[in-house]
C-alpha atoms as a PDB file:
ATOM      1  CA  MET A   1     -62.508 -55.863  11.476  1.00  0.00           C
ATOM      2  CA  PRO A   2     -64.070 -57.084  15.173  1.00  0.00           C
ATOM      3  CA  LEU A   3     -61.482 -57.003  17.547  1.00  0.00           C
ATOM      4  CA  THR A   4     -60.530 -60.600  19.118  1.00  0.00           C
ATOM      5  CA  MET A   5     -61.098 -61.552  22.885  1.00  0.00           C
ATOM      6  CA  THR A   6     -57.367 -61.992  22.963  1.00  0.00           C
ATOM      7  CA  THR A   7     -56.706 -57.918  21.792  1.00  0.00           C
ATOM      8  CA  LYS A   8     -59.439 -56.619  24.021  1.00  0.00           C
ATOM      9  CA  ARG A   9     -58.125 -58.233  27.244  1.00  0.00           C
ATOM     10  CA  ARG A  10     -54.312 -57.060  25.965  1.00  0.00           C
ATOM     11  CA  LEU A  11     -56.509 -53.414  25.654  1.00  0.00           C
ATOM     12  CA  VAL A  12     -58.086 -53.617  28.724  1.00  0.00           C
ATOM     13  CA  THR A  13     -54.733 -54.532  30.925  1.00  0.00           C
ATOM     14  CA  THR A  14     -52.583 -51.977  29.086  1.00  0.00           C
ATOM     15  CA  ALA A  15     -55.662 -49.616  29.812  1.00  0.00           C
ATOM     16  CA  LEU A  16     -55.566 -50.722  34.121  1.00  0.00           C
ATOM     17  CA  LEU A  17     -51.633 -50.522  33.693  1.00  0.00           C
ATOM     18  CA  ALA A  18     -51.155 -47.476  31.966  1.00  0.00           C
ATOM     19  CA  PRO A  19     -51.659 -44.432  34.748  1.00  0.00           C
ATOM     20  CA  ALA A  20     -49.813 -46.858  37.587  1.00  0.00           C
ATOM     21  CA  SER A  21     -47.017 -47.003  34.853  1.00  0.00           C
ATOM     22  CA  LEU A  22     -46.942 -43.722  34.074  1.00  0.00           C
ATOM     23  CA  TRP A  23     -46.445 -42.412  38.160  1.00  0.00           C
ATOM     24  CA  LEU A  24     -43.950 -45.109  38.469  1.00  0.00           C
ATOM     25  CA  PHE A  25     -41.834 -43.579  35.747  1.00  0.00           C
ATOM     26  CA  VAL A  26     -42.098 -40.104  36.399  1.00  0.00           C
ATOM     27  CA  PHE A  27     -41.991 -40.045  39.915  1.00  0.00           C
ATOM     28  CA  LEU A  28     -39.841 -43.302  40.552  1.00  0.00           C
ATOM     29  CA  VAL A  29     -37.795 -44.012  37.380  1.00  0.00           C
ATOM     30  CA  LEU A  30     -36.592 -40.140  36.157  1.00  0.00           C
ATOM     31  CA  PRO A  31     -35.873 -39.194  39.381  1.00  0.00           C
ATOM     32  CA  PHE A  32     -33.521 -41.986  39.866  1.00  0.00           C
ATOM     33  CA  ILE A  33     -31.929 -41.453  36.628  1.00  0.00           C
ATOM     34  CA  ALA A  34     -31.534 -37.799  37.814  1.00  0.00           C
ATOM     35  CA  MET A  35     -29.845 -39.172  40.926  1.00  0.00           C
ATOM     36  CA  LEU A  36     -27.183 -41.519  39.100  1.00  0.00           C
ATOM     37  CA  VAL A  37     -26.722 -38.370  36.911  1.00  0.00           C
ATOM     38  CA  PHE A  38     -25.748 -36.253  39.772  1.00  0.00           C
ATOM     39  CA  SER A  39     -23.447 -38.947  41.472  1.00  0.00           C
ATOM     40  CA  VAL A  40     -20.776 -38.874  38.815  1.00  0.00           C
ATOM     41  CA  GLY A  41     -20.800 -34.902  38.963  1.00  0.00           C
ATOM     42  CA  GLU A  42     -19.055 -32.214  41.105  1.00  0.00           C
ATOM     43  CA  ARG A  43     -20.214 -29.738  43.692  1.00  0.00           C
ATOM     44  CA  GLY A  44     -20.248 -26.397  42.158  1.00  0.00           C
ATOM     45  CA  PRO A  45     -18.669 -23.864  43.580  1.00  0.00           C
ATOM     46  CA  ALA A  46     -21.533 -22.511  44.942  1.00  0.00           C
ATOM     47  CA  GLY A  47     -23.118 -25.863  45.898  1.00  0.00           C
ATOM     48  CA  GLY A  48     -25.610 -27.823  43.857  1.00  0.00           C
ATOM     49  CA  TYR A  49     -24.174 -29.915  40.987  1.00  0.00           C
ATOM     50  CA  GLN A  50     -21.909 -29.491  38.078  1.00  0.00           C
ATOM     51  CA  ALA A  51     -21.710 -31.528  35.111  1.00  0.00           C
ATOM     52  CA  ALA A  52     -18.643 -33.861  35.014  1.00  0.00           C
ATOM     53  CA  PHE A  53     -17.926 -37.379  34.762  1.00  0.00           C
ATOM     54  CA  THR A  54     -16.081 -38.873  38.259  1.00  0.00           C
ATOM     55  CA  PHE A  55     -16.464 -41.791  40.650  1.00  0.00           C
ATOM     56  CA  ALA A  56     -14.600 -39.567  43.332  1.00  0.00           C
ATOM     57  CA  GLN A  57     -18.288 -39.030  45.266  1.00  0.00           C
ATOM     58  CA  TYR A  58     -18.386 -43.359  45.699  1.00  0.00           C
ATOM     59  CA  ALA A  59     -15.224 -43.136  47.008  1.00  0.00           C
ATOM     60  CA  ASN A  60     -15.994 -40.284  49.222  1.00  0.00           C
ATOM     61  CA  LEU A  61     -18.428 -42.637  51.211  1.00  0.00           C
ATOM     62  CA  PRO A  62     -16.385 -43.646  53.523  1.00  0.00           C
ATOM     63  CA  ALA A  63     -16.684 -39.966  55.494  1.00  0.00           C
ATOM     64  CA  ARG A  64     -20.248 -40.988  56.261  1.00  0.00           C
ATOM     65  CA  SER A  65     -19.305 -44.469  57.609  1.00  0.00           C
ATOM     66  CA  ALA A  66     -21.245 -43.758  61.026  1.00  0.00           C
ATOM     67  CA  ALA A  67     -24.271 -42.782  59.069  1.00  0.00           C
ATOM     68  CA  TYR A  68     -24.164 -46.247  57.001  1.00  0.00           C
ATOM     69  CA  TRP A  69     -23.260 -47.588  60.600  1.00  0.00           C
ATOM     70  CA  ASN A  70     -25.596 -46.845  62.394  1.00  0.00           C
ATOM     71  CA  THR A  71     -28.639 -47.640  60.041  1.00  0.00           C
ATOM     72  CA  LEU A  72     -27.100 -51.284  59.021  1.00  0.00           C
ATOM     73  CA  MET A  73     -26.640 -52.084  62.721  1.00  0.00           C
ATOM     74  CA  LEU A  74     -30.207 -50.310  64.176  1.00  0.00           C
ATOM     75  CA  ALA A  75     -32.953 -51.107  61.509  1.00  0.00           C
ATOM     76  CA  PRO A  76     -32.096 -54.807  61.421  1.00  0.00           C
ATOM     77  CA  ALA A  77     -32.168 -54.476  65.145  1.00  0.00           C
ATOM     78  CA  GLY A  78     -35.454 -52.293  65.721  1.00  0.00           C
ATOM     79  CA  ALA A  79     -36.728 -54.948  62.820  1.00  0.00           C
ATOM     80  CA  PHE A  80     -36.193 -57.742  65.215  1.00  0.00           C
ATOM     81  CA  LEU A  81     -37.412 -55.824  68.078  1.00  0.00           C
ATOM     82  CA  CYS A  82     -40.681 -55.056  66.602  1.00  0.00           C
ATOM     83  CA  LEU A  83     -41.253 -59.074  65.315  1.00  0.00           C
ATOM     84  CA  LEU A  84     -40.220 -60.070  69.039  1.00  0.00           C
ATOM     85  CA  VAL A  85     -43.483 -57.727  69.964  1.00  0.00           C
ATOM     86  CA  ALA A  86     -45.205 -57.858  67.219  1.00  0.00           C
ATOM     87  CA  TYR A  87     -45.945 -61.888  66.796  1.00  0.00           C
ATOM     88  CA  PRO A  88     -47.142 -62.691  70.542  1.00  0.00           C
ATOM     89  CA  THR A  89     -49.758 -59.978  69.318  1.00  0.00           C
ATOM     90  CA  ALA A  90     -50.753 -61.426  65.965  1.00  0.00           C
ATOM     91  CA  TYR A  91     -50.785 -64.506  67.281  1.00  0.00           C
ATOM     92  CA  TYR A  92     -53.072 -64.305  69.868  1.00  0.00           C
ATOM     93  CA  LEU A  93     -55.315 -61.533  67.537  1.00  0.00           C
ATOM     94  CA  ALA A  94     -55.547 -64.594  65.065  1.00  0.00           C
ATOM     95  CA  VAL A  95     -55.917 -67.629  66.883  1.00  0.00           C
ATOM     96  CA  LYS A  96     -56.716 -66.497  70.620  1.00  0.00           C
ATOM     97  CA  ALA A  97     -59.021 -63.946  70.496  1.00  0.00           C
ATOM     98  CA  SER A  98     -62.494 -64.349  70.159  1.00  0.00           C
ATOM     99  CA  PRO A  99     -64.012 -63.380  66.583  1.00  0.00           C
ATOM    100  CA  ARG A 100     -66.626 -61.227  68.525  1.00  0.00           C
ATOM    101  CA  HIS A 101     -63.768 -59.006  69.739  1.00  0.00           C
ATOM    102  CA  ARG A 102     -61.302 -59.685  67.017  1.00  0.00           C
ATOM    103  CA  LEU A 103     -62.045 -56.606  64.679  1.00  0.00           C
ATOM    104  CA  LEU A 104     -62.199 -54.221  67.778  1.00  0.00           C
ATOM    105  CA  LEU A 105     -58.675 -55.334  68.850  1.00  0.00           C
ATOM    106  CA  VAL A 106     -57.255 -55.372  65.141  1.00  0.00           C
ATOM    107  CA  SER A 107     -58.659 -51.703  65.043  1.00  0.00           C
ATOM    108  CA  LEU A 108     -56.832 -50.747  68.090  1.00  0.00           C
ATOM    109  CA  VAL A 109     -53.396 -52.036  66.379  1.00  0.00           C
ATOM    110  CA  VAL A 110     -54.230 -49.493  63.570  1.00  0.00           C
ATOM    111  CA  VAL A 111     -55.353 -46.577  65.835  1.00  0.00           C
ATOM    112  CA  PRO A 112     -51.853 -44.877  66.230  1.00  0.00           C
ATOM    113  CA  PHE A 113     -51.861 -44.130  62.511  1.00  0.00           C
ATOM    114  CA  TRP A 114     -54.414 -41.926  63.241  1.00  0.00           C
ATOM    115  CA  THR A 115     -52.034 -39.552  64.537  1.00  0.00           C
ATOM    116  CA  SER A 116     -48.924 -38.303  62.701  1.00  0.00           C
ATOM    117  CA  LEU A 117     -45.950 -40.021  63.260  1.00  0.00           C
ATOM    118  CA  LEU A 118     -44.389 -36.467  64.334  1.00  0.00           C
ATOM    119  CA  VAL A 119     -46.541 -35.886  67.077  1.00  0.00           C
ATOM    120  CA  ARG A 120     -46.322 -38.950  68.424  1.00  0.00           C
ATOM    121  CA  THR A 121     -42.274 -39.070  68.241  1.00  0.00           C
ATOM    122  CA  TYR A 122     -42.496 -35.738  70.148  1.00  0.00           C
ATOM    123  CA  ALA A 123     -44.414 -37.382  72.990  1.00  0.00           C
ATOM    124  CA  TRP A 124     -41.829 -39.566  73.400  1.00  0.00           C
ATOM    125  CA  MET A 125     -38.962 -36.482  73.179  1.00  0.00           C
ATOM    126  CA  TYR A 126     -41.061 -35.729  76.400  1.00  0.00           C
ATOM    127  CA  ILE A 127     -41.451 -39.156  77.945  1.00  0.00           C
ATOM    128  CA  LEU A 128     -37.795 -39.911  77.460  1.00  0.00           C
ATOM    129  CA  GLY A 129     -36.958 -36.128  78.246  1.00  0.00           C
ATOM    130  CA  SER A 130     -35.637 -34.753  81.729  1.00  0.00           C
ATOM    131  CA  ARG A 131     -38.891 -34.032  82.747  1.00  0.00           C
ATOM    132  CA  GLY A 132     -40.069 -37.591  81.879  1.00  0.00           C
ATOM    133  CA  ILE A 133     -38.615 -40.480  82.880  1.00  0.00           C
ATOM    134  CA  PRO A 134     -35.797 -39.210  84.291  1.00  0.00           C
ATOM    135  CA  SER A 135     -37.034 -37.061  86.454  1.00  0.00           C
ATOM    136  CA  LEU A 136     -39.417 -39.517  88.240  1.00  0.00           C
ATOM    137  CA  LEU A 137     -36.514 -42.376  88.749  1.00  0.00           C
ATOM    138  CA  ASP A 138     -34.481 -38.979  89.975  1.00  0.00           C
ATOM    139  CA  MET A 139     -37.173 -38.938  92.521  1.00  0.00           C
ATOM    140  CA  ILE A 140     -36.647 -42.473  93.843  1.00  0.00           C
ATOM    141  CA  GLY A 141     -32.739 -41.755  94.420  1.00  0.00           C
ATOM    142  CA  ILE A 142     -31.658 -42.886  90.472  1.00  0.00           C
ATOM    143  CA  ALA A 143     -29.875 -39.453  89.218  1.00  0.00           C
ATOM    144  CA  ASP A 144     -28.269 -38.863  86.212  1.00  0.00           C
ATOM    145  CA  VAL A 145     -30.204 -41.203  83.840  1.00  0.00           C
ATOM    146  CA  ARG A 146     -30.015 -40.038  80.114  1.00  0.00           C
ATOM    147  CA  LEU A 147     -32.517 -41.729  77.740  1.00  0.00           C
ATOM    148  CA  LEU A 148     -33.262 -39.439  75.059  1.00  0.00           C
ATOM    149  CA  ASN A 149     -30.553 -38.786  72.363  1.00  0.00           C
ATOM    150  CA  THR A 150     -29.348 -42.241  72.712  1.00  0.00           C
ATOM    151  CA  PRO A 151     -29.115 -45.568  70.399  1.00  0.00           C
ATOM    152  CA  GLY A 152     -31.762 -47.403  72.899  1.00  0.00           C
ATOM    153  CA  ALA A 153     -34.670 -44.457  72.267  1.00  0.00           C
ATOM    154  CA  VAL A 154     -34.068 -44.521  68.987  1.00  0.00           C
ATOM    155  CA  LEU A 155     -35.078 -48.141  69.322  1.00  0.00           C
ATOM    156  CA  LEU A 156     -37.794 -47.425  71.183  1.00  0.00           C
ATOM    157  CA  GLY A 157     -39.273 -45.057  68.859  1.00  0.00           C
ATOM    158  CA  ILE A 158     -38.557 -47.543  66.293  1.00  0.00           C
ATOM    159  CA  VAL A 159     -40.570 -49.818  67.904  1.00  0.00           C
ATOM    160  CA  TYR A 160     -43.308 -47.851  68.825  1.00  0.00           C
ATOM    161  CA  GLY A 161     -43.726 -46.045  64.927  1.00  0.00           C
ATOM    162  CA  TYR A 162     -43.232 -49.802  62.964  1.00  0.00           C
ATOM    163  CA  LEU A 163     -45.238 -52.248  65.159  1.00  0.00           C
ATOM    164  CA  PRO A 164     -48.975 -52.015  63.090  1.00  0.00           C
ATOM    165  CA  LEU A 165     -46.821 -52.421  60.130  1.00  0.00           C
ATOM    166  CA  MET A 166     -44.766 -55.846  61.302  1.00  0.00           C
ATOM    167  CA  ILE A 167     -48.463 -57.252  63.202  1.00  0.00           C
ATOM    168  CA  MET A 168     -51.035 -57.054  60.381  1.00  0.00           C
ATOM    169  CA  PRO A 169     -48.893 -59.233  57.758  1.00  0.00           C
ATOM    170  CA  ILE A 170     -48.238 -61.826  60.411  1.00  0.00           C
ATOM    171  CA  TYR A 171     -51.702 -61.622  61.639  1.00  0.00           C
ATOM    172  CA  VAL A 172     -53.086 -62.203  58.470  1.00  0.00           C
ATOM    173  CA  SER A 173     -50.750 -65.036  57.782  1.00  0.00           C
ATOM    174  CA  LEU A 174     -51.630 -66.492  61.354  1.00  0.00           C
ATOM    175  CA  GLU A 175     -55.307 -65.606  60.242  1.00  0.00           C
ATOM    176  CA  LYS A 176     -55.507 -67.626  56.954  1.00  0.00           C
ATOM    177  CA  LEU A 177     -53.839 -71.049  59.367  1.00  0.00           C
ATOM    178  CA  ASP A 178     -55.906 -73.632  58.761  1.00  0.00           C
ATOM    179  CA  ARG A 179     -57.614 -74.713  62.289  1.00  0.00           C
ATOM    180  CA  ARG A 180     -58.005 -78.639  61.494  1.00  0.00           C
ATOM    181  CA  LEU A 181     -54.135 -78.727  61.473  1.00  0.00           C
ATOM    182  CA  LEU A 182     -53.257 -77.643  64.552  1.00  0.00           C
ATOM    183  CA  GLU A 183     -56.322 -80.202  65.743  1.00  0.00           C
ATOM    184  CA  ALA A 184     -54.616 -82.960  63.562  1.00  0.00           C
ATOM    185  CA  SER A 185     -51.021 -82.200  65.576  1.00  0.00           C
ATOM    186  CA  ALA A 186     -52.764 -82.269  68.868  1.00  0.00           C
ATOM    187  CA  ASP A 187     -54.717 -85.670  67.823  1.00  0.00           C
ATOM    188  CA  LEU A 188     -51.338 -87.045  66.897  1.00  0.00           C
ATOM    189  CA  GLY A 189     -49.755 -86.522  70.280  1.00  0.00           C
ATOM    190  CA  ALA A 190     -47.953 -83.300  70.036  1.00  0.00           C
ATOM    191  CA  LYS A 191     -47.678 -80.608  72.661  1.00  0.00           C
ATOM    192  CA  PRO A 192     -48.336 -77.573  72.455  1.00  0.00           C
ATOM    193  CA  VAL A 193     -44.975 -75.671  71.773  1.00  0.00           C
ATOM    194  CA  SER A 194     -44.203 -78.657  69.162  1.00  0.00           C
ATOM    195  CA  THR A 195     -47.685 -77.635  66.919  1.00  0.00           C
ATOM    196  CA  PHE A 196     -46.373 -74.542  66.923  1.00  0.00           C
ATOM    197  CA  PHE A 197     -42.602 -74.965  66.027  1.00  0.00           C
ATOM    198  CA  SER A 198     -44.162 -77.765  63.609  1.00  0.00           C
ATOM    199  CA  VAL A 199     -46.986 -76.241  62.384  1.00  0.00           C
ATOM    200  CA  THR A 200     -48.281 -72.611  63.272  1.00  0.00           C
ATOM    201  CA  LEU A 201     -44.431 -71.085  62.723  1.00  0.00           C
ATOM    202  CA  PRO A 202     -43.407 -72.332  59.214  1.00  0.00           C
ATOM    203  CA  LEU A 203     -46.821 -71.509  58.008  1.00  0.00           C
ATOM    204  CA  SER A 204     -46.376 -67.821  59.349  1.00  0.00           C
ATOM    205  CA  LEU A 205     -43.052 -67.399  57.990  1.00  0.00           C
ATOM    206  CA  PRO A 206     -44.025 -65.487  54.664  1.00  0.00           C
ATOM    207  CA  GLY A 207     -46.005 -62.941  56.914  1.00  0.00           C
ATOM    208  CA  VAL A 208     -42.938 -62.712  59.339  1.00  0.00           C
ATOM    209  CA  MET A 209     -40.404 -62.095  56.304  1.00  0.00           C
ATOM    210  CA  THR A 210     -43.346 -59.742  54.641  1.00  0.00           C
ATOM    211  CA  GLY A 211     -43.350 -57.571  57.956  1.00  0.00           C
ATOM    212  CA  VAL A 212     -39.540 -57.823  58.233  1.00  0.00           C
ATOM    213  CA  ALA A 213     -38.381 -56.902  54.809  1.00  0.00           C
ATOM    214  CA  LEU A 214     -40.884 -53.891  55.153  1.00  0.00           C
ATOM    215  CA  VAL A 215     -40.284 -52.635  58.280  1.00  0.00           C
ATOM    216  CA  THR A 216     -36.203 -52.921  57.044  1.00  0.00           C
ATOM    217  CA  ILE A 217     -37.105 -50.826  54.051  1.00  0.00           C
ATOM    218  CA  LEU A 218     -38.845 -48.510  55.102  1.00  0.00           C
ATOM    219  CA  LEU A 219     -36.144 -47.933  57.938  1.00  0.00           C
ATOM    220  CA  LEU A 220     -33.231 -48.278  56.079  1.00  0.00           C
ATOM    221  CA  GLY A 221     -34.437 -44.449  54.715  1.00  0.00           C
ATOM    222  CA  GLU A 222     -35.826 -42.942  58.226  1.00  0.00           C
ATOM    223  CA  TYR A 223     -34.995 -39.651  58.782  1.00  0.00           C
ATOM    224  CA  LEU A 224     -37.939 -38.601  61.745  1.00  0.00           C
ATOM    225  CA  ILE A 225     -37.063 -40.583  64.550  1.00  0.00           C
ATOM    226  CA  PRO A 226     -32.914 -40.871  64.637  1.00  0.00           C
ATOM    227  CA  GLN A 227     -33.537 -36.644  64.507  1.00  0.00           C
ATOM    228  CA  LEU A 228     -35.850 -35.774  67.279  1.00  0.00           C
ATOM    229  CA  LEU A 229     -34.777 -39.108  69.591  1.00  0.00           C
ATOM    230  CA  GLY A 230     -31.291 -39.129  68.752  1.00  0.00           C
ATOM    231  CA  GLY A 231     -30.474 -35.358  68.879  1.00  0.00           C
ATOM    232  CA  GLY A 232     -28.195 -35.960  65.980  1.00  0.00           C
ATOM    233  CA  LYS A 233     -25.893 -38.444  68.102  1.00  0.00           C
ATOM    234  CA  VAL A 234     -27.774 -41.295  66.337  1.00  0.00           C
ATOM    235  CA  PHE A 235     -27.188 -40.627  63.081  1.00  0.00           C
ATOM    236  CA  PHE A 236     -29.112 -42.459  60.181  1.00  0.00           C
ATOM    237  CA  ILE A 237     -28.619 -42.183  56.027  1.00  0.00           C
ATOM    238  CA  GLY A 238     -31.697 -40.499  55.811  1.00  0.00           C
ATOM    239  CA  ASN A 239     -30.184 -37.696  58.178  1.00  0.00           C
ATOM    240  CA  ALA A 240     -26.808 -37.633  55.861  1.00  0.00           C
ATOM    241  CA  LEU A 241     -29.107 -37.287  52.756  1.00  0.00           C
ATOM    242  CA  VAL A 242     -30.830 -33.776  54.564  1.00  0.00           C
ATOM    243  CA  ASP A 243     -27.514 -32.622  55.683  1.00  0.00           C
ATOM    244  CA  LEU A 244     -25.839 -33.103  52.036  1.00  0.00           C
ATOM    245  CA  PHE A 245     -28.678 -31.582  50.358  1.00  0.00           C
ATOM    246  CA  LEU A 246     -30.124 -29.060  52.392  1.00  0.00           C
ATOM    247  CA  GLN A 247     -27.225 -27.562  54.729  1.00  0.00           C
ATOM    248  CA  SER A 248     -23.809 -28.552  52.439  1.00  0.00           C
ATOM    249  CA  ARG A 249     -25.471 -28.174  49.026  1.00  0.00           C
ATOM    250  CA  ASN A 250     -23.780 -31.077  48.009  1.00  0.00           C
ATOM    251  CA  TRP A 251     -25.729 -32.718  45.495  1.00  0.00           C
ATOM    252  CA  PRO A 252     -23.515 -35.148  43.885  1.00  0.00           C
ATOM    253  CA  PHE A 253     -22.357 -36.981  47.147  1.00  0.00           C
ATOM    254  CA  GLY A 254     -26.204 -36.585  48.561  1.00  0.00           C
ATOM    255  CA  SER A 255     -26.911 -38.798  44.869  1.00  0.00           C
ATOM    256  CA  ALA A 256     -23.940 -41.066  45.474  1.00  0.00           C
ATOM    257  CA  ILE A 257     -25.521 -41.687  49.309  1.00  0.00           C
ATOM    258  CA  ALA A 258     -28.883 -42.252  47.799  1.00  0.00           C
ATOM    259  CA  VAL A 259     -28.092 -44.742  45.208  1.00  0.00           C
ATOM    260  CA  THR A 260     -26.050 -46.892  47.757  1.00  0.00           C
ATOM    261  CA  LEU A 261     -29.284 -46.881  49.553  1.00  0.00           C
ATOM    262  CA  VAL A 262     -31.158 -47.807  47.055  1.00  0.00           C
ATOM    263  CA  ALA A 263     -28.943 -50.399  45.805  1.00  0.00           C
ATOM    264  CA  ILE A 264     -28.754 -51.832  49.560  1.00  0.00           C
ATOM    265  CA  VAL A 265     -32.647 -51.592  49.832  1.00  0.00           C
ATOM    266  CA  VAL A 266     -32.688 -54.028  46.443  1.00  0.00           C
ATOM    267  CA  VAL A 267     -30.559 -56.474  47.859  1.00  0.00           C
ATOM    268  CA  VAL A 268     -32.280 -56.800  51.133  1.00  0.00           C
ATOM    269  CA  LEU A 269     -35.783 -57.173  49.062  1.00  0.00           C
ATOM    270  CA  MET A 270     -34.098 -59.903  46.797  1.00  0.00           C
ATOM    271  CA  VAL A 271     -32.578 -61.931  50.337  1.00  0.00           C
ATOM    272  CA  ALA A 272     -36.005 -61.507  51.917  1.00  0.00           C
ATOM    273  CA  MET A 273     -37.475 -63.076  48.900  1.00  0.00           C
ATOM    274  CA  ARG A 274     -34.930 -65.777  48.432  1.00  0.00           C
ATOM    275  CA  ILE A 275     -35.431 -66.787  51.935  1.00  0.00           C
ATOM    276  CA  ALA A 276     -39.203 -66.780  51.909  1.00  0.00           C
ATOM    277  CA  TRP A 277     -39.304 -68.611  48.693  1.00  0.00           C
ATOM    278  CA  ARG A 278     -37.136 -71.290  50.544  1.00  0.00           C
ATOM    279  CA  ILE A 279     -39.350 -71.277  53.601  1.00  0.00           C
ATOM    280  CA  SER A 280     -42.574 -71.803  51.950  1.00  0.00           C
ATOM    281  CA  GLY A 281     -41.330 -74.110  49.438  1.00  0.00           C
ATOM    282  CA  THR A 282     -43.228 -71.780  46.535  1.00  0.00           C
ATOM    283  CA  ARG A 283     -42.352 -68.689  44.815  1.00  0.00           C
ATOM    284  CA  GLN A 284     -46.242 -67.611  45.885  1.00  0.00           C
ATOM    285  CA  VAL A 285     -44.591 -65.329  48.413  1.00  0.00           C
ATOM    286  CA  ASP A 286     -45.563 -61.542  48.328  1.00  0.00           C
ATOM    287  CA  LEU A 287     -43.318 -58.884  50.280  1.00  0.00           C
ATOM    288  CA  VAL A 288     -44.445 -55.741  48.690  1.00  0.00           C
END
């Protein structure tokens, strides 16, 4: 019996989705289930996991309150600073830059990704360390300036490392902007500032929300930047997880923290999607 067109389409769709679905199930769903199981267990006598059923690990979460506080404060602050720098940059690339130079300028935005984040962060360690900017300040009479191992150093590293991820979604939204709307606003007597706030900014907000959500979610699990630029004094949830799994070998407590981190990420994503839908007036907004 020959297959109908509908059946053929379903088979093709299944064949296309099967590899990705299998990959996500094996490397995302199964590890998360294992993490849930570990989180209700107990630490073994020699570390690791011992089978049990208790919520004591979740009750002990306040013991890592500093990591939660730093993450929930510095991650949104870093995303906001990225936005402040990224929006003018994306606006210039999409609206002001000549088409002849636009491709080159956009390429320069992604050039930092050609180098490992680890190498770039080590470079900032030297710049902010005692032989970098503080040494130059000491030469002009400004002594005892400490830049490294501070929240400011971590924020600087965050902006430097994640800025391209904020620029690109905003650039895509602005690049799709219908220039006739800007011309119509000008013809109706609106000033450039008024046109920006009434036309350009609202139409680019889906890209803004995409960039903010993307950067914030990645920062919630950040480990490298606070470890190197914070020097152990600015502790993120990611640093707490490394300590619990590799140093303390308290896998149940680490799993409980990881589960709460996933829950926080889901909440952030849902809030960002809801805001984007309300702003755009449609549900055709992609955040991931």
